[in-house]
């Protein structure tokens, strides 16, 4: 058994970084800027000079809040999915490792497939 936990595959050339690094670098900024931008209608609705009946204003604000909450959840989910995909690509481009060997039962004479 090797004294190292992981043994890198000799001669493997690591793939160059691509768009996944750019996506991961921009994810926090997009999260903050997008969340603020999506939340603006909810904030603006509270200071907007409504021309509705006073009893209809809370209903209008609540409707805007519901739409904003739904869009915010959709945005966060989509951003998480894109970032997770970029992370998986980054990990898969990493170094290759040698797998543990195990004996094959038909190593001397391979079985025929039908």
PDB file of N, CA and C in Angstrom:
ATOM      1  N   UNK A   1       0.848  -1.181   0.000  1.00  0.00           N
ATOM      2  CA  UNK A   1       0.000   0.000   0.000  1.00  0.00           C
ATOM      3  C   UNK A   1       0.889   1.239   0.000  1.00  0.00           C
ATOM      4  N   UNK A   2       0.470   2.208  -0.736  1.00  0.00           N
ATOM      5  CA  UNK A   2       1.236   3.441  -0.864  1.00  0.00           C
ATOM      6  C   UNK A   2       1.170   4.243   0.432  1.00  0.00           C
ATOM      7  N   UNK A   3       2.252   4.965   0.730  1.00  0.00           N
ATOM      8  CA  UNK A   3       2.252   5.801   1.926  1.00  0.00           C
ATOM      9  C   UNK A   3       1.507   7.109   1.677  1.00  0.00           C
ATOM     10  N   UNK A   4       1.167   7.392   0.423  1.00  0.00           N
ATOM     11  CA  UNK A   4       0.342   8.565   0.115  1.00  0.00           C
ATOM     12  C   UNK A   4      -1.108   8.124  -0.034  1.00  0.00           C
ATOM     13  N   UNK A   5      -2.011   8.959   0.374  1.00  0.00           N
ATOM     14  CA  UNK A   5      -3.424   8.615   0.289  1.00  0.00           C
ATOM     15  C   UNK A   5      -3.890   8.566  -1.164  1.00  0.00           C
ATOM     16  N   UNK A   6      -3.514   9.546  -1.957  1.00  0.00           N
ATOM     17  CA  UNK A   6      -3.885   9.585  -3.361  1.00  0.00           C
ATOM     18  C   UNK A   6      -2.624   9.571  -4.208  1.00  0.00           C
ATOM     19  N   UNK A   7      -2.602   8.719  -5.216  1.00  0.00           N
ATOM     20  CA  UNK A   7      -1.456   8.652  -6.109  1.00  0.00           C
ATOM     21  C   UNK A   7      -1.881   9.192  -7.469  1.00  0.00           C
ATOM     22  N   UNK A   8      -1.222  10.269  -7.903  1.00  0.00           N
ATOM     23  CA  UNK A   8      -1.582  10.881  -9.171  1.00  0.00           C
ATOM     24  C   UNK A   8      -1.128  10.003 -10.330  1.00  0.00           C
ATOM     25  N   UNK A   9      -1.921  10.015 -11.375  1.00  0.00           N
ATOM     26  CA  UNK A   9      -1.626   9.259 -12.579  1.00  0.00           C
ATOM     27  C   UNK A   9      -0.418   9.883 -13.264  1.00  0.00           C
ATOM     28  N   UNK A  10       0.644   9.113 -13.478  1.00  0.00           N
ATOM     29  CA  UNK A  10       1.836   9.697 -14.091  1.00  0.00           C
ATOM     30  C   UNK A  10       1.576  10.061 -15.562  1.00  0.00           C
ATOM     31  N   UNK A  11       2.136  11.178 -15.973  1.00  0.00           N
ATOM     32  CA  UNK A  11       2.021  11.616 -17.355  1.00  0.00           C
ATOM     33  C   UNK A  11       0.716  12.309 -17.689  1.00  0.00           C
ATOM     34  N   UNK A  12      -0.173  12.486 -16.721  1.00  0.00           N
ATOM     35  CA  UNK A  12      -1.447  13.144 -16.990  1.00  0.00           C
ATOM     36  C   UNK A  12      -1.240  14.650 -17.048  1.00  0.00           C
ATOM     37  N   UNK A  13      -1.735  15.261 -18.100  1.00  0.00           N
ATOM     38  CA  UNK A  13      -1.629  16.717 -18.252  1.00  0.00           C
ATOM     39  C   UNK A  13      -2.947  17.327 -17.812  1.00  0.00           C
ATOM     40  N   UNK A  14      -2.866  18.220 -16.857  1.00  0.00           N
ATOM     41  CA  UNK A  14      -4.052  18.868 -16.322  1.00  0.00           C
ATOM     42  C   UNK A  14      -4.670  19.773 -17.387  1.00  0.00           C
ATOM     43  N   UNK A  15      -5.984  19.745 -17.510  1.00  0.00           N
ATOM     44  CA  UNK A  15      -6.682  20.564 -18.502  1.00  0.00           C
ATOM     45  C   UNK A  15      -6.608  22.040 -18.096  1.00  0.00           C
ATOM     46  N   UNK A  16      -6.481  22.929 -19.063  1.00  0.00           N
ATOM     47  CA  UNK A  16      -6.412  24.350 -18.728  1.00  0.00           C
ATOM     48  C   UNK A  16      -7.755  24.859 -18.201  1.00  0.00           C
ATOM     49  N   UNK A  17      -7.674  25.866 -17.359  1.00  0.00           N
ATOM     50  CA  UNK A  17      -8.890  26.462 -16.804  1.00  0.00           C
ATOM     51  C   UNK A  17      -9.671  27.133 -17.921  1.00  0.00           C
ATOM     52  N   UNK A  18     -10.972  27.082 -17.797  1.00  0.00           N
ATOM     53  CA  UNK A  18     -11.831  27.660 -18.822  1.00  0.00           C
ATOM     54  C   UNK A  18     -12.839  28.621 -18.215  1.00  0.00           C
ATOM     55  N   UNK A  19     -14.017  28.637 -18.780  1.00  0.00           N
ATOM     56  CA  UNK A  19     -15.072  29.559 -18.354  1.00  0.00           C
ATOM     57  C   UNK A  19     -15.580  29.264 -16.944  1.00  0.00           C
ATOM     58  N   UNK A  20     -15.354  28.040 -16.477  1.00  0.00           N
ATOM     59  CA  UNK A  20     -15.863  27.700 -15.140  1.00  0.00           C
ATOM     60  C   UNK A  20     -15.228  28.559 -14.060  1.00  0.00           C
ATOM     61  N   UNK A  21     -13.968  28.907 -14.217  1.00  0.00           N
ATOM     62  CA  UNK A  21     -13.302  29.777 -13.222  1.00  0.00           C
ATOM     63  C   UNK A  21     -13.894  31.176 -13.245  1.00  0.00           C
ATOM     64  N   UNK A  22     -14.206  31.667 -14.437  1.00  0.00           N
ATOM     65  CA  UNK A  22     -14.823  32.993 -14.564  1.00  0.00           C
ATOM     66  C   UNK A  22     -16.204  32.983 -13.914  1.00  0.00           C
ATOM     67  N   UNK A  23     -16.971  31.925 -14.167  1.00  0.00           N
ATOM     68  CA  UNK A  23     -18.312  31.817 -13.578  1.00  0.00           C
ATOM     69  C   UNK A  23     -18.223  31.792 -12.056  1.00  0.00           C
ATOM     70  N   UNK A  24     -17.316  30.993 -11.515  1.00  0.00           N
ATOM     71  CA  UNK A  24     -17.185  30.908 -10.059  1.00  0.00           C
ATOM     72  C   UNK A  24     -16.686  32.217  -9.451  1.00  0.00           C
ATOM     73  N   UNK A  25     -15.834  32.931 -10.173  1.00  0.00           N
ATOM     74  CA  UNK A  25     -15.333  34.211  -9.673  1.00  0.00           C
ATOM     75  C   UNK A  25     -16.446  35.262  -9.645  1.00  0.00           C
ATOM     76  N   UNK A  26     -17.360  35.227 -10.612  1.00  0.00           N
ATOM     77  CA  UNK A  26     -18.426  36.223 -10.713  1.00  0.00           C
ATOM     78  C   UNK A  26     -19.664  35.869  -9.889  1.00  0.00           C
ATOM     79  N   UNK A  27     -19.777  34.648  -9.413  1.00  0.00           N
ATOM     80  CA  UNK A  27     -20.986  34.212  -8.716  1.00  0.00           C
ATOM     81  C   UNK A  27     -21.347  35.074  -7.505  1.00  0.00           C
ATOM     82  N   UNK A  28     -20.435  35.420  -6.595  1.00  0.00           N
ATOM     83  CA  UNK A  28     -20.841  36.254  -5.452  1.00  0.00           C
ATOM     84  C   UNK A  28     -21.341  37.634  -5.871  1.00  0.00           C
ATOM     85  N   UNK A  29     -20.685  38.240  -6.856  1.00  0.00           N
ATOM     86  CA  UNK A  29     -21.121  39.565  -7.317  1.00  0.00           C
ATOM     87  C   UNK A  29     -22.494  39.502  -7.975  1.00  0.00           C
ATOM     88  N   UNK A  30     -22.702  38.491  -8.800  1.00  0.00           N
ATOM     89  CA  UNK A  30     -23.997  38.329  -9.461  1.00  0.00           C
ATOM     90  C   UNK A  30     -25.075  38.060  -8.418  1.00  0.00           C
ATOM     91  N   UNK A  31     -24.748  37.277  -7.395  1.00  0.00           N
ATOM     92  CA  UNK A  31     -25.711  36.995  -6.331  1.00  0.00           C
ATOM     93  C   UNK A  31     -26.140  38.285  -5.632  1.00  0.00           C
ATOM     94  N   UNK A  32     -25.168  39.092  -5.223  1.00  0.00           N
ATOM     95  CA  UNK A  32     -25.496  40.329  -4.501  1.00  0.00           C
ATOM     96  C   UNK A  32     -26.218  41.338  -5.390  1.00  0.00           C
ATOM     97  N   UNK A  33     -25.660  41.612  -6.570  1.00  0.00           N
ATOM     98  CA  UNK A  33     -26.254  42.600  -7.461  1.00  0.00           C
ATOM     99  C   UNK A  33     -27.638  42.146  -7.929  1.00  0.00           C
ATOM    100  N   UNK A  34     -27.775  40.880  -8.292  1.00  0.00           N
ATOM    101  CA  UNK A  34     -29.065  40.364  -8.746  1.00  0.00           C
ATOM    102  C   UNK A  34     -30.113  40.377  -7.650  1.00  0.00           C
ATOM    103  N   UNK A  35     -29.723  40.032  -6.430  1.00  0.00           N
ATOM    104  CA  UNK A  35     -30.676  40.029  -5.318  1.00  0.00           C
ATOM    105  C   UNK A  35     -31.171  41.440  -5.015  1.00  0.00           C
ATOM    106  N   UNK A  36     -30.262  42.402  -5.034  1.00  0.00           N
ATOM    107  CA  UNK A  36     -30.663  43.794  -4.794  1.00  0.00           C
ATOM    108  C   UNK A  36     -31.575  44.276  -5.918  1.00  0.00           C
ATOM    109  N   UNK A  37     -31.213  43.971  -7.145  1.00  0.00           N
ATOM    110  CA  UNK A  37     -31.999  44.408  -8.292  1.00  0.00           C
ATOM    111  C   UNK A  37     -33.399  43.790  -8.268  1.00  0.00           C
ATOM    112  N   UNK A  38     -33.492  42.531  -7.925  1.00  0.00           N
ATOM    113  CA  UNK A  38     -34.803  41.877  -7.859  1.00  0.00           C
ATOM    114  C   UNK A  38     -35.615  42.414  -6.679  1.00  0.00           C
ATOM    115  N   UNK A  39     -34.958  42.767  -5.580  1.00  0.00           N
ATOM    116  CA  UNK A  39     -35.657  43.276  -4.411  1.00  0.00           C
ATOM    117  C   UNK A  39     -36.091  44.725  -4.509  1.00  0.00           C
ATOM    118  N   UNK A  40     -35.588  45.457  -5.503  1.00  0.00           N
ATOM    119  CA  UNK A  40     -35.938  46.880  -5.637  1.00  0.00           C
ATOM    120  C   UNK A  40     -37.431  47.145  -5.790  1.00  0.00           C
ATOM    121  N   UNK A  41     -38.175  46.405  -6.604  1.00  0.00           N
ATOM    122  CA  UNK A  41     -39.610  46.700  -6.699  1.00  0.00           C
ATOM    123  C   UNK A  41     -40.333  46.635  -5.359  1.00  0.00           C
ATOM    124  N   UNK A  42     -39.921  45.710  -4.518  1.00  0.00           N
ATOM    125  CA  UNK A  42     -40.536  45.597  -3.200  1.00  0.00           C
ATOM    126  C   UNK A  42     -40.220  46.819  -2.338  1.00  0.00           C
ATOM    127  N   UNK A  43     -38.991  47.287  -2.431  1.00  0.00           N
ATOM    128  CA  UNK A  43     -38.611  48.475  -1.663  1.00  0.00           C
ATOM    129  C   UNK A  43     -39.269  49.740  -2.212  1.00  0.00           C
ATOM    130  N   UNK A  44     -39.306  49.857  -3.521  1.00  0.00           N
ATOM    131  CA  UNK A  44     -39.898  51.042  -4.155  1.00  0.00           C
ATOM    132  C   UNK A  44     -41.399  51.107  -3.887  1.00  0.00           C
ATOM    133  N   UNK A  45     -42.060  49.953  -3.833  1.00  0.00           N
ATOM    134  CA  UNK A  45     -43.513  49.952  -3.613  1.00  0.00           C
ATOM    135  C   UNK A  45     -43.890  50.551  -2.260  1.00  0.00           C
ATOM    136  N   UNK A  46     -42.979  50.550  -1.313  1.00  0.00           N
ATOM    137  CA  UNK A  46     -43.275  51.104   0.004  1.00  0.00           C
ATOM    138  C   UNK A  46     -43.151  52.621   0.066  1.00  0.00           C
ATOM    139  N   UNK A  47     -42.427  53.218  -0.866  1.00  0.00           N
ATOM    140  CA  UNK A  47     -42.280  54.674  -0.871  1.00  0.00           C
ATOM    141  C   UNK A  47     -42.985  55.323  -2.060  1.00  0.00           C
ATOM    142  N   UNK A  48     -43.568  54.506  -2.931  1.00  0.00           N
ATOM    143  CA  UNK A  48     -44.246  55.004  -4.123  1.00  0.00           C
ATOM    144  C   UNK A  48     -45.531  55.736  -3.722  1.00  0.00           C
ATOM    145  N   UNK A  49     -45.797  56.900  -4.308  1.00  0.00           N
ATOM    146  CA  UNK A  49     -47.051  57.611  -3.984  1.00  0.00           C
ATOM    147  C   UNK A  49     -48.231  56.980  -4.735  1.00  0.00           C
ATOM    148  N   UNK A  50     -48.896  56.064  -4.089  1.00  0.00           N
ATOM    149  CA  UNK A  50     -49.984  55.321  -4.723  1.00  0.00           C
ATOM    150  C   UNK A  50     -51.185  56.229  -4.974  1.00  0.00           C
ATOM    151  N   UNK A  51     -51.881  55.982  -6.109  1.00  0.00           N
ATOM    152  CA  UNK A  51     -53.121  56.700  -6.410  1.00  0.00           C
ATOM    153  C   UNK A  51     -54.327  55.781  -6.216  1.00  0.00           C
ATOM    154  N   UNK A  52     -54.092  54.639  -5.588  1.00  0.00           N
ATOM    155  CA  UNK A  52     -55.167  53.698  -5.308  1.00  0.00           C
ATOM    156  C   UNK A  52     -55.936  54.125  -4.071  1.00  0.00           C
ATOM    157  N   UNK A  53     -57.036  53.430  -3.848  1.00  0.00           N
ATOM    158  CA  UNK A  53     -57.767  53.622  -2.593  1.00  0.00           C
ATOM    159  C   UNK A  53     -56.858  53.197  -1.444  1.00  0.00           C
ATOM    160  N   UNK A  54     -56.901  53.880  -0.323  1.00  0.00           N
ATOM    161  CA  UNK A  54     -56.019  53.511   0.804  1.00  0.00           C
ATOM    162  C   UNK A  54     -56.167  52.066   1.260  1.00  0.00           C
ATOM    163  N   UNK A  55     -57.347  51.478   1.092  1.00  0.00           N
ATOM    164  CA  UNK A  55     -57.532  50.093   1.514  1.00  0.00           C
ATOM    165  C   UNK A  55     -56.914  49.101   0.531  1.00  0.00           C
ATOM    166  N   UNK A  56     -56.633  49.523  -0.721  1.00  0.00           N
ATOM    167  CA  UNK A  56     -56.054  48.641  -1.736  1.00  0.00           C
ATOM    168  C   UNK A  56     -54.523  48.659  -1.747  1.00  0.00           C
ATOM    169  N   UNK A  57     -53.923  49.624  -1.085  1.00  0.00           N
ATOM    170  CA  UNK A  57     -52.453  49.749  -1.107  1.00  0.00           C
ATOM    171  C   UNK A  57     -51.764  48.542  -0.461  1.00  0.00           C
ATOM    172  N   UNK A  58     -52.171  48.067   0.720  1.00  0.00           N
ATOM    173  CA  UNK A  58     -51.499  46.883   1.289  1.00  0.00           C
ATOM    174  C   UNK A  58     -51.602  45.652   0.391  1.00  0.00           C
ATOM    175  N   UNK A  59     -52.738  45.489  -0.294  1.00  0.00           N
ATOM    176  CA  UNK A  59     -52.895  44.360  -1.202  1.00  0.00           C
ATOM    177  C   UNK A  59     -51.924  44.465  -2.375  1.00  0.00           C
ATOM    178  N   UNK A  60     -51.751  45.664  -2.926  1.00  0.00           N
ATOM    179  CA  UNK A  60     -50.822  45.864  -4.038  1.00  0.00           C
ATOM    180  C   UNK A  60     -49.379  45.602  -3.598  1.00  0.00           C
ATOM    181  N   UNK A  61     -49.022  46.081  -2.418  1.00  0.00           N
ATOM    182  CA  UNK A  61     -47.665  45.865  -1.905  1.00  0.00           C
ATOM    183  C   UNK A  61     -47.421  44.381  -1.646  1.00  0.00           C
ATOM    184  N   UNK A  62     -48.410  43.697  -1.096  1.00  0.00           N
ATOM    185  CA  UNK A  62     -48.265  42.269  -0.825  1.00  0.00           C
ATOM    186  C   UNK A  62     -48.140  41.475  -2.129  1.00  0.00           C
ATOM    187  N   UNK A  63     -48.877  41.870  -3.149  1.00  0.00           N
ATOM    188  CA  UNK A  63     -48.776  41.194  -4.443  1.00  0.00           C
ATOM    189  C   UNK A  63     -47.383  41.365  -5.029  1.00  0.00           C
ATOM    190  N   UNK A  64     -46.848  42.559  -4.944  1.00  0.00           N
ATOM    191  CA  UNK A  64     -45.484  42.808  -5.427  1.00  0.00           C
ATOM    192  C   UNK A  64     -44.484  41.987  -4.624  1.00  0.00           C
ATOM    193  N   UNK A  65     -44.660  41.926  -3.313  1.00  0.00           N
ATOM    194  CA  UNK A  65     -43.761  41.133  -2.462  1.00  0.00           C
ATOM    195  C   UNK A  65     -43.790  39.655  -2.840  1.00  0.00           C
ATOM    196  N   UNK A  66     -44.952  39.123  -3.155  1.00  0.00           N
ATOM    197  CA  UNK A  66     -45.063  37.712  -3.537  1.00  0.00           C
ATOM    198  C   UNK A  66     -44.337  37.461  -4.845  1.00  0.00           C
ATOM    199  N   UNK A  67     -44.522  38.349  -5.823  1.00  0.00           N
ATOM    200  CA  UNK A  67     -43.809  38.193  -7.098  1.00  0.00           C
ATOM    201  C   UNK A  67     -42.302  38.301  -6.914  1.00  0.00           C
ATOM    202  N   UNK A  68     -41.879  39.237  -6.092  1.00  0.00           N
ATOM    203  CA  UNK A  68     -40.444  39.412  -5.835  1.00  0.00           C
ATOM    204  C   UNK A  68     -39.873  38.183  -5.136  1.00  0.00           C
ATOM    205  N   UNK A  69     -40.585  37.645  -4.161  1.00  0.00           N
ATOM    206  CA  UNK A  69     -40.096  36.448  -3.450  1.00  0.00           C
ATOM    207  C   UNK A  69     -39.974  35.263  -4.409  1.00  0.00           C
ATOM    208  N   UNK A  70     -40.955  35.079  -5.267  1.00  0.00           N
ATOM    209  CA  UNK A  70     -40.894  33.989  -6.240  1.00  0.00           C
ATOM    210  C   UNK A  70     -39.745  34.143  -7.216  1.00  0.00           C
ATOM    211  N   UNK A  71     -39.565  35.361  -7.716  1.00  0.00           N
ATOM    212  CA  UNK A  71     -38.466  35.618  -8.644  1.00  0.00           C
ATOM    213  C   UNK A  71     -37.111  35.488  -7.958  1.00  0.00           C
ATOM    214  N   UNK A  72     -37.018  35.896  -6.704  1.00  0.00           N
ATOM    215  CA  UNK A  72     -35.772  35.781  -5.955  1.00  0.00           C
ATOM    216  C   UNK A  72     -35.387  34.311  -5.768  1.00  0.00           C
ATOM    217  N   UNK A  73     -36.364  33.480  -5.416  1.00  0.00           N
ATOM    218  CA  UNK A  73     -36.089  32.049  -5.243  1.00  0.00           C
ATOM    219  C   UNK A  73     -35.672  31.423  -6.568  1.00  0.00           C
ATOM    220  N   UNK A  74     -36.340  31.788  -7.645  1.00  0.00           N
ATOM    221  CA  UNK A  74     -35.964  31.286  -8.973  1.00  0.00           C
ATOM    222  C   UNK A  74     -34.545  31.714  -9.332  1.00  0.00           C
ATOM    223  N   UNK A  75     -34.197  32.966  -9.084  1.00  0.00           N
ATOM    224  CA  UNK A  75     -32.864  33.486  -9.390  1.00  0.00           C
ATOM    225  C   UNK A  75     -31.795  32.755  -8.590  1.00  0.00           C
ATOM    226  N   UNK A  76     -32.029  32.595  -7.284  1.00  0.00           N
ATOM    227  CA  UNK A  76     -31.048  31.912  -6.437  1.00  0.00           C
ATOM    228  C   UNK A  76     -30.869  30.461  -6.871  1.00  0.00           C
ATOM    229  N   UNK A  77     -31.961  29.793  -7.207  1.00  0.00           N
ATOM    230  CA  UNK A  77     -31.875  28.402  -7.637  1.00  0.00           C
ATOM    231  C   UNK A  77     -31.105  28.278  -8.944  1.00  0.00           C
ATOM    232  N   UNK A  78     -31.393  29.153  -9.897  1.00  0.00           N
ATOM    233  CA  UNK A  78     -30.689  29.117 -11.183  1.00  0.00           C
ATOM    234  C   UNK A  78     -29.205  29.422 -10.996  1.00  0.00           C
ATOM    235  N   UNK A  79     -28.887  30.412 -10.177  1.00  0.00           N
ATOM    236  CA  UNK A  79     -27.488  30.771  -9.933  1.00  0.00           C
ATOM    237  C   UNK A  79     -26.750  29.631  -9.229  1.00  0.00           C
ATOM    238  N   UNK A  80     -27.396  28.991  -8.270  1.00  0.00           N
ATOM    239  CA  UNK A  80     -26.789  27.851  -7.577  1.00  0.00           C
ATOM    240  C   UNK A  80     -26.523  26.711  -8.553  1.00  0.00           C
ATOM    241  N   UNK A  81     -27.466  26.467  -9.459  1.00  0.00           N
ATOM    242  CA  UNK A  81     -27.305  25.392 -10.435  1.00  0.00           C
ATOM    243  C   UNK A  81     -26.135  25.666 -11.371  1.00  0.00           C
ATOM    244  N   UNK A  82     -26.023  26.892 -11.849  1.00  0.00           N
ATOM    245  CA  UNK A  82     -24.912  27.253 -12.737  1.00  0.00           C
ATOM    246  C   UNK A  82     -23.581  27.157 -11.995  1.00  0.00           C
ATOM    247  N   UNK A  83     -23.531  27.660 -10.763  1.00  0.00           N
ATOM    248  CA  UNK A  83     -22.291  27.610  -9.979  1.00  0.00           C
ATOM    249  C   UNK A  83     -21.909  26.167  -9.646  1.00  0.00           C
ATOM    250  N   UNK A  84     -22.881  25.334  -9.341  1.00  0.00           N
ATOM    251  CA  UNK A  84     -22.595  23.927  -9.055  1.00  0.00           C
ATOM    252  C   UNK A  84     -22.048  23.233 -10.292  1.00  0.00           C
ATOM    253  N   UNK A  85     -22.620  23.514 -11.444  1.00  0.00           N
ATOM    254  CA  UNK A  85     -22.113  22.943 -12.689  1.00  0.00           C
ATOM    255  C   UNK A  85     -20.690  23.383 -12.969  1.00  0.00           C
ATOM    256  N   UNK A  86     -20.397  24.664 -12.749  1.00  0.00           N
ATOM    257  CA  UNK A  86     -19.036  25.172 -12.952  1.00  0.00           C
ATOM    258  C   UNK A  86     -18.064  24.519 -11.973  1.00  0.00           C
ATOM    259  N   UNK A  87     -18.500  24.308 -10.742  1.00  0.00           N
ATOM    260  CA  UNK A  87     -17.646  23.653  -9.752  1.00  0.00           C
ATOM    261  C   UNK A  87     -17.346  22.207 -10.156  1.00  0.00           C
ATOM    262  N   UNK A  88     -18.359  21.503 -10.641  1.00  0.00           N
ATOM    263  CA  UNK A  88     -18.163  20.117 -11.077  1.00  0.00           C
ATOM    264  C   UNK A  88     -17.173  20.063 -12.242  1.00  0.00           C
ATOM    265  N   UNK A  89     -17.307  20.981 -13.181  1.00  0.00           N
ATOM    266  CA  UNK A  89     -16.368  21.026 -14.312  1.00  0.00           C
ATOM    267  C   UNK A  89     -14.957  21.295 -13.813  1.00  0.00           C
ATOM    268  N   UNK A  90     -14.806  22.208 -12.863  1.00  0.00           N
ATOM    269  CA  UNK A  90     -13.489  22.524 -12.315  1.00  0.00           C
ATOM    270  C   UNK A  90     -12.872  21.295 -11.632  1.00  0.00           C
ATOM    271  N   UNK A  91     -13.666  20.575 -10.868  1.00  0.00           N
ATOM    272  CA  UNK A  91     -13.159  19.382 -10.184  1.00  0.00           C
ATOM    273  C   UNK A  91     -12.791  18.303 -11.204  1.00  0.00           C
ATOM    274  N   UNK A  92     -13.600  18.138 -12.224  1.00  0.00           N
ATOM    275  CA  UNK A  92     -13.337  17.102 -13.222  1.00  0.00           C
ATOM    276  C   UNK A  92     -12.103  17.413 -14.066  1.00  0.00           C
ATOM    277  N   UNK A  93     -11.728  18.680 -14.166  1.00  0.00           N
ATOM    278  CA  UNK A  93     -10.518  19.047 -14.901  1.00  0.00           C
ATOM    279  C   UNK A  93      -9.266  18.907 -14.046  1.00  0.00           C
ATOM    280  N   UNK A  94      -9.422  18.546 -12.812  1.00  0.00           N
ATOM    281  CA  UNK A  94      -8.288  18.421 -11.904  1.00  0.00           C
ATOM    282  C   UNK A  94      -7.417  17.228 -12.246  1.00  0.00           C
ATOM    283  N   UNK A  95      -6.454  16.937 -11.393  1.00  0.00           N
ATOM    284  CA  UNK A  95      -5.532  15.835 -11.684  1.00  0.00           C
ATOM    285  C   UNK A  95      -6.227  14.477 -11.645  1.00  0.00           C
ATOM    286  N   UNK A  96      -5.709  13.543 -12.417  1.00  0.00           N
ATOM    287  CA  UNK A  96      -6.243  12.171 -12.432  1.00  0.00           C
ATOM    288  C   UNK A  96      -5.487  11.344 -11.396  1.00  0.00           C
ATOM    289  N   UNK A  97      -6.179  10.428 -10.789  1.00  0.00           N
ATOM    290  CA  UNK A  97      -5.581   9.580  -9.764  1.00  0.00           C
ATOM    291  C   UNK A  97      -5.662   8.120 -10.197  1.00  0.00           C
ATOM    292  N   UNK A  98      -4.705   7.331  -9.733  1.00  0.00           N
ATOM    293  CA  UNK A  98      -4.672   5.904 -10.022  1.00  0.00           C
ATOM    294  C   UNK A  98      -5.653   5.213  -9.087  1.00  0.00           C
ATOM    295  N   UNK A  99      -6.499   4.369  -9.671  1.00  0.00           N
ATOM    296  CA  UNK A  99      -7.474   3.643  -8.870  1.00  0.00           C
ATOM    297  C   UNK A  99      -6.817   2.415  -8.248  1.00  0.00           C
ATOM    298  N   UNK A 100      -7.390   1.926  -7.185  1.00  0.00           N
ATOM    299  CA  UNK A 100      -6.889   0.700  -6.561  1.00  0.00           C
ATOM    300  C   UNK A 100      -7.132  -0.478  -7.511  1.00  0.00           C
ATOM    301  N   UNK A 101      -6.145  -1.338  -7.598  1.00  0.00           N
ATOM    302  CA  UNK A 101      -6.278  -2.515  -8.449  1.00  0.00           C
ATOM    303  C   UNK A 101      -7.101  -3.572  -7.728  1.00  0.00           C
ATOM    304  N   UNK A 102      -7.866  -4.312  -8.485  1.00  0.00           N
ATOM    305  CA  UNK A 102      -8.596  -5.431  -7.917  1.00  0.00           C
ATOM    306  C   UNK A 102      -8.558  -6.567  -8.937  1.00  0.00           C
ATOM    307  N   UNK A 103      -8.508  -7.810  -8.455  1.00  0.00           N
ATOM    308  CA  UNK A 103      -8.391  -8.943  -9.378  1.00  0.00           C
ATOM    309  C   UNK A 103      -9.704  -9.182 -10.124  1.00  0.00           C
ATOM    310  N   UNK A 104      -9.557  -9.518 -11.398  1.00  0.00           N
ATOM    311  CA  UNK A 104     -10.720  -9.857 -12.212  1.00  0.00           C
ATOM    312  C   UNK A 104     -10.856 -11.366 -12.271  1.00  0.00           C
ATOM    313  N   UNK A 105     -12.068 -11.852 -12.181  1.00  0.00           N
ATOM    314  CA  UNK A 105     -12.272 -13.296 -12.191  1.00  0.00           C
ATOM    315  C   UNK A 105     -11.972 -13.901 -13.563  1.00  0.00           C
ATOM    316  N   UNK A 106     -12.157 -13.149 -14.629  1.00  0.00           N
ATOM    317  CA  UNK A 106     -11.907 -13.670 -15.969  1.00  0.00           C
ATOM    318  C   UNK A 106     -10.739 -12.934 -16.631  1.00  0.00           C
ATOM    319  N   UNK A 107      -9.715 -12.629 -15.860  1.00  0.00           N
ATOM    320  CA  UNK A 107      -8.593 -11.839 -16.377  1.00  0.00           C
ATOM    321  C   UNK A 107      -7.793 -12.576 -17.434  1.00  0.00           C
ATOM    322  N   UNK A 108      -7.616 -13.900 -17.290  1.00  0.00           N
ATOM    323  CA  UNK A 108      -6.830 -14.668 -18.245  1.00  0.00           C
ATOM    324  C   UNK A 108      -7.586 -14.896 -19.550  1.00  0.00           C
ATOM    325  N   UNK A 109      -8.881 -15.135 -19.458  1.00  0.00           N
ATOM    326  CA  UNK A 109      -9.683 -15.407 -20.636  1.00  0.00           C
ATOM    327  C   UNK A 109     -11.001 -14.622 -20.482  1.00  0.00           C
ATOM    328  N   UNK A 110     -11.148 -13.477 -21.141  1.00  0.00           N
ATOM    329  CA  UNK A 110     -12.351 -12.669 -21.001  1.00  0.00           C
ATOM    330  C   UNK A 110     -13.603 -13.423 -21.425  1.00  0.00           C
ATOM    331  N   UNK A 111     -14.686 -13.166 -20.709  1.00  0.00           N
ATOM    332  CA  UNK A 111     -15.966 -13.800 -21.049  1.00  0.00           C
ATOM    333  C   UNK A 111     -16.508 -13.197 -22.335  1.00  0.00           C
ATOM    334  N   UNK A 112     -17.203 -14.032 -23.117  1.00  0.00           N
ATOM    335  CA  UNK A 112     -17.802 -13.541 -24.367  1.00  0.00           C
ATOM    336  C   UNK A 112     -19.157 -12.905 -24.041  1.00  0.00           C
ATOM    337  N   UNK A 113     -19.417 -11.797 -24.707  1.00  0.00           N
ATOM    338  CA  UNK A 113     -20.706 -11.133 -24.545  1.00  0.00           C
ATOM    339  C   UNK A 113     -21.667 -11.622 -25.611  1.00  0.00           C
ATOM    340  N   UNK A 114     -22.881 -11.829 -25.251  1.00  0.00           N
ATOM    341  CA  UNK A 114     -23.878 -12.328 -26.211  1.00  0.00           C
ATOM    342  C   UNK A 114     -24.677 -11.223 -26.782  1.00  0.00           C
TER     343      UNK A 114
END
